[in-house]
């Protein structure tokens, strides 16, 4: 605070050594602001010095205040980290959505509607074949387990499970 007061006095002293007309214009322009600034700093100094004196005389309060400040700063830092993670996830989700929409559009443009319907038909057929194979394996494992053959997940594999790798 003393630095700002010294700066204000220096500014006023430098303008006094210059041309009187320049000094008058500086004084008219900056004097009200400098006066308000000086009174504000003086008032702040008079209120903060007793508080700082009390805190330095009672180290328990100082330690508690320091711990609270550290806690608040760490929570702010954690919040900043959380917001950063959220930003990147939202960005990835947005890029994935618009990228998927772009790929779908390019696929429609390059293959045409009939080609897309044909491709989807091929994929659905392949999925139904795989589903039937897996359903058959599951049914075989269920029958083997009911027959008391054991096998299954933790023991030796049954006849229907051998060689499926």
C-alpha atoms as a PDB file:
ATOM      1  CA  UNK A   1       0.000   0.000   0.000  1.00  0.00           C
ATOM      2  CA  UNK A   2       2.882   2.298   0.717  1.00  0.00           C
ATOM      3  CA  UNK A   3       4.158   1.679  -2.782  1.00  0.00           C
ATOM      4  CA  UNK A   4       0.954   3.024  -4.334  1.00  0.00           C
ATOM      5  CA  UNK A   5       0.970   6.036  -2.045  1.00  0.00           C
ATOM      6  CA  UNK A   6       4.599   6.720  -2.956  1.00  0.00           C
ATOM      7  CA  UNK A   7       3.708   6.355  -6.629  1.00  0.00           C
ATOM      8  CA  UNK A   8       0.879   8.864  -6.257  1.00  0.00           C
ATOM      9  CA  UNK A   9       3.150  11.380  -4.518  1.00  0.00           C
ATOM     10  CA  UNK A  10       5.833  10.873  -7.159  1.00  0.00           C
ATOM     11  CA  UNK A  11       3.303  11.472  -9.900  1.00  0.00           C
ATOM     12  CA  UNK A  12       2.127  14.662  -8.247  1.00  0.00           C
ATOM     13  CA  UNK A  13       5.718  15.856  -7.629  1.00  0.00           C
ATOM     14  CA  UNK A  14       6.796  15.163 -11.225  1.00  0.00           C
ATOM     15  CA  UNK A  15       3.903  17.124 -12.589  1.00  0.00           C
ATOM     16  CA  UNK A  16       4.764  20.096 -10.360  1.00  0.00           C
ATOM     17  CA  UNK A  17       8.207  20.451 -11.928  1.00  0.00           C
ATOM     18  CA  UNK A  18       6.761  20.568 -15.429  1.00  0.00           C
ATOM     19  CA  UNK A  19       4.820  23.263 -17.137  1.00  0.00           C
ATOM     20  CA  UNK A  20       2.177  24.788 -14.820  1.00  0.00           C
ATOM     21  CA  UNK A  21      -0.541  24.250 -17.421  1.00  0.00           C
ATOM     22  CA  UNK A  22       0.364  20.565 -17.671  1.00  0.00           C
ATOM     23  CA  UNK A  23       0.436  20.323 -13.887  1.00  0.00           C
ATOM     24  CA  UNK A  24      -3.021  21.875 -13.664  1.00  0.00           C
ATOM     25  CA  UNK A  25      -4.435  19.441 -16.210  1.00  0.00           C
ATOM     26  CA  UNK A  26      -2.835  16.459 -14.417  1.00  0.00           C
ATOM     27  CA  UNK A  27      -4.055  17.702 -11.086  1.00  0.00           C
ATOM     28  CA  UNK A  28      -7.599  18.201 -12.319  1.00  0.00           C
ATOM     29  CA  UNK A  29      -7.590  14.771 -13.936  1.00  0.00           C
ATOM     30  CA  UNK A  30      -5.897  12.560 -11.348  1.00  0.00           C
ATOM     31  CA  UNK A  31      -6.275  14.301  -7.979  1.00  0.00           C
ATOM     32  CA  UNK A  32      -9.804  13.031  -7.173  1.00  0.00           C
ATOM     33  CA  UNK A  33      -8.824   9.456  -8.019  1.00  0.00           C
ATOM     34  CA  UNK A  34      -5.570   9.657  -6.084  1.00  0.00           C
ATOM     35  CA  UNK A  35      -7.365  11.109  -3.062  1.00  0.00           C
ATOM     36  CA  UNK A  36      -9.942   8.311  -3.092  1.00  0.00           C
ATOM     37  CA  UNK A  37      -7.226   5.709  -3.576  1.00  0.00           C
ATOM     38  CA  UNK A  38      -5.159   7.095  -0.710  1.00  0.00           C
ATOM     39  CA  UNK A  39      -8.115   7.196   1.692  1.00  0.00           C
ATOM     40  CA  UNK A  40      -9.195   3.698   0.672  1.00  0.00           C
ATOM     41  CA  UNK A  41      -5.707   2.308   1.255  1.00  0.00           C
ATOM     42  CA  UNK A  42      -5.402   4.064   4.600  1.00  0.00           C
ATOM     43  CA  UNK A  43      -8.767   2.707   5.734  1.00  0.00           C
ATOM     44  CA  UNK A  44      -7.893  -0.808   4.581  1.00  0.00           C
ATOM     45  CA  UNK A  45      -4.549  -0.621   6.335  1.00  0.00           C
ATOM     46  CA  UNK A  46      -6.168   0.506   9.584  1.00  0.00           C
ATOM     47  CA  UNK A  47      -8.600  -2.439   9.481  1.00  0.00           C
ATOM     48  CA  UNK A  48      -6.174  -5.138   8.359  1.00  0.00           C
ATOM     49  CA  UNK A  49      -3.267  -4.380  10.694  1.00  0.00           C
ATOM     50  CA  UNK A  50      -5.176  -5.256  13.916  1.00  0.00           C
ATOM     51  CA  UNK A  51      -6.415  -8.459  12.310  1.00  0.00           C
ATOM     52  CA  UNK A  52      -2.902  -9.458  11.242  1.00  0.00           C
ATOM     53  CA  UNK A  53      -1.555  -8.584  14.690  1.00  0.00           C
ATOM     54  CA  UNK A  54      -4.191 -10.794  16.342  1.00  0.00           C
ATOM     55  CA  UNK A  55      -3.448 -13.667  13.996  1.00  0.00           C
ATOM     56  CA  UNK A  56       0.302 -13.508  14.548  1.00  0.00           C
ATOM     57  CA  UNK A  57      -0.057 -13.367  18.348  1.00  0.00           C
ATOM     58  CA  UNK A  58      -2.288 -16.481  18.402  1.00  0.00           C
ATOM     59  CA  UNK A  59      -0.590 -19.175  16.317  1.00  0.00           C
ATOM     60  CA  UNK A  60      -3.516 -21.611  16.780  1.00  0.00           C
ATOM     61  CA  UNK A  61      -5.804 -19.287  14.846  1.00  0.00           C
ATOM     62  CA  UNK A  62      -3.146 -18.779  12.211  1.00  0.00           C
ATOM     63  CA  UNK A  63      -2.722 -22.526  11.773  1.00  0.00           C
ATOM     64  CA  UNK A  64      -6.465 -23.027  11.553  1.00  0.00           C
ATOM     65  CA  UNK A  65      -6.816 -20.219   9.009  1.00  0.00           C
ATOM     66  CA  UNK A  66      -3.945 -21.625   6.965  1.00  0.00           C
ATOM     67  CA  UNK A  67      -5.522 -25.100   6.991  1.00  0.00           C
ATOM     68  CA  UNK A  68      -8.839 -23.664   5.858  1.00  0.00           C
ATOM     69  CA  UNK A  69      -7.159 -21.766   3.047  1.00  0.00           C
ATOM     70  CA  UNK A  70      -5.291 -24.908   1.954  1.00  0.00           C
ATOM     71  CA  UNK A  71      -8.535 -26.898   2.078  1.00  0.00           C
ATOM     72  CA  UNK A  72     -10.372 -24.337  -0.024  1.00  0.00           C
ATOM     73  CA  UNK A  73      -7.568 -24.152  -2.555  1.00  0.00           C
ATOM     74  CA  UNK A  74      -7.389 -27.936  -2.858  1.00  0.00           C
ATOM     75  CA  UNK A  75     -11.158 -28.131  -3.362  1.00  0.00           C
ATOM     76  CA  UNK A  76     -10.932 -25.454  -6.049  1.00  0.00           C
ATOM     77  CA  UNK A  77      -8.139 -27.394  -7.729  1.00  0.00           C
ATOM     78  CA  UNK A  78     -10.155 -30.605  -7.545  1.00  0.00           C
ATOM     79  CA  UNK A  79     -13.139 -28.811  -9.049  1.00  0.00           C
ATOM     80  CA  UNK A  80     -10.925 -27.504 -11.845  1.00  0.00           C
ATOM     81  CA  UNK A  81      -9.684 -31.033 -12.529  1.00  0.00           C
ATOM     82  CA  UNK A  82     -13.251 -32.392 -12.532  1.00  0.00           C
ATOM     83  CA  UNK A  83     -14.397 -29.685 -14.944  1.00  0.00           C
ATOM     84  CA  UNK A  84     -11.455 -30.503 -17.228  1.00  0.00           C
ATOM     85  CA  UNK A  85     -12.347 -34.204 -17.279  1.00  0.00           C
ATOM     86  CA  UNK A  86     -15.980 -33.355 -17.999  1.00  0.00           C
ATOM     87  CA  UNK A  87     -14.939 -31.054 -20.828  1.00  0.00           C
ATOM     88  CA  UNK A  88     -12.853 -33.765 -22.498  1.00  0.00           C
ATOM     89  CA  UNK A  89     -15.583 -36.389 -22.160  1.00  0.00           C
ATOM     90  CA  UNK A  90     -18.170 -34.024 -23.611  1.00  0.00           C
ATOM     91  CA  UNK A  91     -15.789 -33.155 -26.430  1.00  0.00           C
ATOM     92  CA  UNK A  92     -15.131 -36.850 -27.172  1.00  0.00           C
ATOM     93  CA  UNK A  93     -18.854 -37.604 -27.116  1.00  0.00           C
ATOM     94  CA  UNK A  94     -19.595 -34.714 -29.470  1.00  0.00           C
ATOM     95  CA  UNK A  95     -16.806 -35.703 -31.865  1.00  0.00           C
ATOM     96  CA  UNK A  96     -17.990 -39.326 -31.788  1.00  0.00           C
ATOM     97  CA  UNK A  97     -21.580 -38.322 -32.523  1.00  0.00           C
ATOM     98  CA  UNK A  98     -20.784 -35.953 -35.394  1.00  0.00           C
ATOM     99  CA  UNK A  99     -18.085 -38.292 -36.730  1.00  0.00           C
ATOM    100  CA  UNK A 100     -20.547 -41.190 -36.742  1.00  0.00           C
ATOM    101  CA  UNK A 101     -23.113 -39.033 -38.478  1.00  0.00           C
ATOM    102  CA  UNK A 102     -20.502 -38.029 -41.066  1.00  0.00           C
ATOM    103  CA  UNK A 103     -19.457 -41.666 -41.644  1.00  0.00           C
ATOM    104  CA  UNK A 104     -23.108 -42.687 -41.995  1.00  0.00           C
ATOM    105  CA  UNK A 105     -23.659 -39.881 -44.499  1.00  0.00           C
ATOM    106  CA  UNK A 106     -20.571 -40.829 -46.501  1.00  0.00           C
ATOM    107  CA  UNK A 107     -21.637 -44.486 -46.488  1.00  0.00           C
ATOM    108  CA  UNK A 108     -25.095 -43.523 -47.751  1.00  0.00           C
ATOM    109  CA  UNK A 109     -23.552 -41.264 -50.375  1.00  0.00           C
ATOM    110  CA  UNK A 110     -21.029 -43.825 -51.645  1.00  0.00           C
ATOM    111  CA  UNK A 111     -23.284 -46.936 -51.572  1.00  0.00           C
ATOM    112  CA  UNK A 112     -26.682 -45.410 -52.201  1.00  0.00           C
ATOM    113  CA  UNK A 113     -29.861 -46.401 -50.366  1.00  0.00           C
ATOM    114  CA  UNK A 114     -30.100 -49.829 -52.039  1.00  0.00           C
ATOM    115  CA  UNK A 115     -26.482 -50.664 -51.172  1.00  0.00           C
ATOM    116  CA  UNK A 116     -26.983 -49.634 -47.550  1.00  0.00           C
ATOM    117  CA  UNK A 117     -30.101 -51.800 -47.265  1.00  0.00           C
ATOM    118  CA  UNK A 118     -28.164 -54.704 -48.810  1.00  0.00           C
ATOM    119  CA  UNK A 119     -25.235 -54.235 -46.413  1.00  0.00           C
ATOM    120  CA  UNK A 120     -27.553 -54.105 -43.407  1.00  0.00           C
ATOM    121  CA  UNK A 121     -29.272 -57.270 -44.656  1.00  0.00           C
ATOM    122  CA  UNK A 122     -25.920 -59.075 -44.872  1.00  0.00           C
ATOM    123  CA  UNK A 123     -25.007 -57.942 -41.328  1.00  0.00           C
ATOM    124  CA  UNK A 124     -28.375 -59.049 -39.931  1.00  0.00           C
ATOM    125  CA  UNK A 125     -28.035 -62.451 -41.610  1.00  0.00           C
ATOM    126  CA  UNK A 126     -24.537 -62.930 -40.204  1.00  0.00           C
ATOM    127  CA  UNK A 127     -25.706 -61.902 -36.743  1.00  0.00           C
ATOM    128  CA  UNK A 128     -28.590 -64.415 -36.881  1.00  0.00           C
ATOM    129  CA  UNK A 129     -26.141 -67.192 -37.868  1.00  0.00           C
ATOM    130  CA  UNK A 130     -23.818 -66.383 -34.973  1.00  0.00           C
ATOM    131  CA  UNK A 131     -26.774 -66.158 -32.597  1.00  0.00           C
ATOM    132  CA  UNK A 132     -27.992 -69.600 -33.677  1.00  0.00           C
ATOM    133  CA  UNK A 133     -24.512 -71.108 -33.135  1.00  0.00           C
ATOM    134  CA  UNK A 134     -24.189 -69.572 -29.675  1.00  0.00           C
ATOM    135  CA  UNK A 135     -27.729 -70.601 -28.744  1.00  0.00           C
ATOM    136  CA  UNK A 136     -26.949 -74.176 -29.786  1.00  0.00           C
ATOM    137  CA  UNK A 137     -23.802 -74.238 -27.657  1.00  0.00           C
ATOM    138  CA  UNK A 138     -25.679 -72.868 -24.692  1.00  0.00           C
ATOM    139  CA  UNK A 139     -28.440 -75.474 -25.124  1.00  0.00           C
ATOM    140  CA  UNK A 140     -25.825 -78.255 -25.330  1.00  0.00           C
ATOM    141  CA  UNK A 141     -24.130 -77.038 -22.156  1.00  0.00           C
ATOM    142  CA  UNK A 142     -27.476 -76.876 -20.380  1.00  0.00           C
ATOM    143  CA  UNK A 143     -28.338 -80.463 -21.417  1.00  0.00           C
ATOM    144  CA  UNK A 144     -24.921 -81.719 -20.314  1.00  0.00           C
ATOM    145  CA  UNK A 145     -25.311 -80.052 -16.952  1.00  0.00           C
ATOM    146  CA  UNK A 146     -28.802 -81.552 -16.442  1.00  0.00           C
ATOM    147  CA  UNK A 147     -27.528 -85.019 -17.352  1.00  0.00           C
ATOM    148  CA  UNK A 148     -24.974 -84.716 -14.561  1.00  0.00           C
ATOM    149  CA  UNK A 149     -22.035 -84.600 -16.869  1.00  0.00           C
ATOM    150  CA  UNK A 150     -20.506 -81.744 -14.937  1.00  0.00           C
ATOM    151  CA  UNK A 151     -18.273 -79.806 -17.214  1.00  0.00           C
ATOM    152  CA  UNK A 152     -19.273 -76.236 -17.468  1.00  0.00           C
ATOM    153  CA  UNK A 153     -17.250 -73.241 -16.447  1.00  0.00           C
ATOM    154  CA  UNK A 154     -14.820 -74.519 -13.797  1.00  0.00           C
ATOM    155  CA  UNK A 155     -14.289 -78.240 -14.442  1.00  0.00           C
ATOM    156  CA  UNK A 156     -13.104 -80.157 -17.470  1.00  0.00           C
ATOM    157  CA  UNK A 157     -14.864 -79.266 -20.712  1.00  0.00           C
ATOM    158  CA  UNK A 158     -17.679 -81.500 -21.935  1.00  0.00           C
ATOM    159  CA  UNK A 159     -17.746 -83.193 -25.353  1.00  0.00           C
ATOM    160  CA  UNK A 160     -19.787 -80.346 -26.854  1.00  0.00           C
ATOM    161  CA  UNK A 161     -17.333 -77.777 -25.580  1.00  0.00           C
ATOM    162  CA  UNK A 162     -14.102 -79.420 -26.783  1.00  0.00           C
ATOM    163  CA  UNK A 163     -12.401 -77.889 -29.762  1.00  0.00           C
ATOM    164  CA  UNK A 164     -14.573 -74.800 -29.974  1.00  0.00           C
ATOM    165  CA  UNK A 165     -11.604 -72.501 -29.528  1.00  0.00           C
END
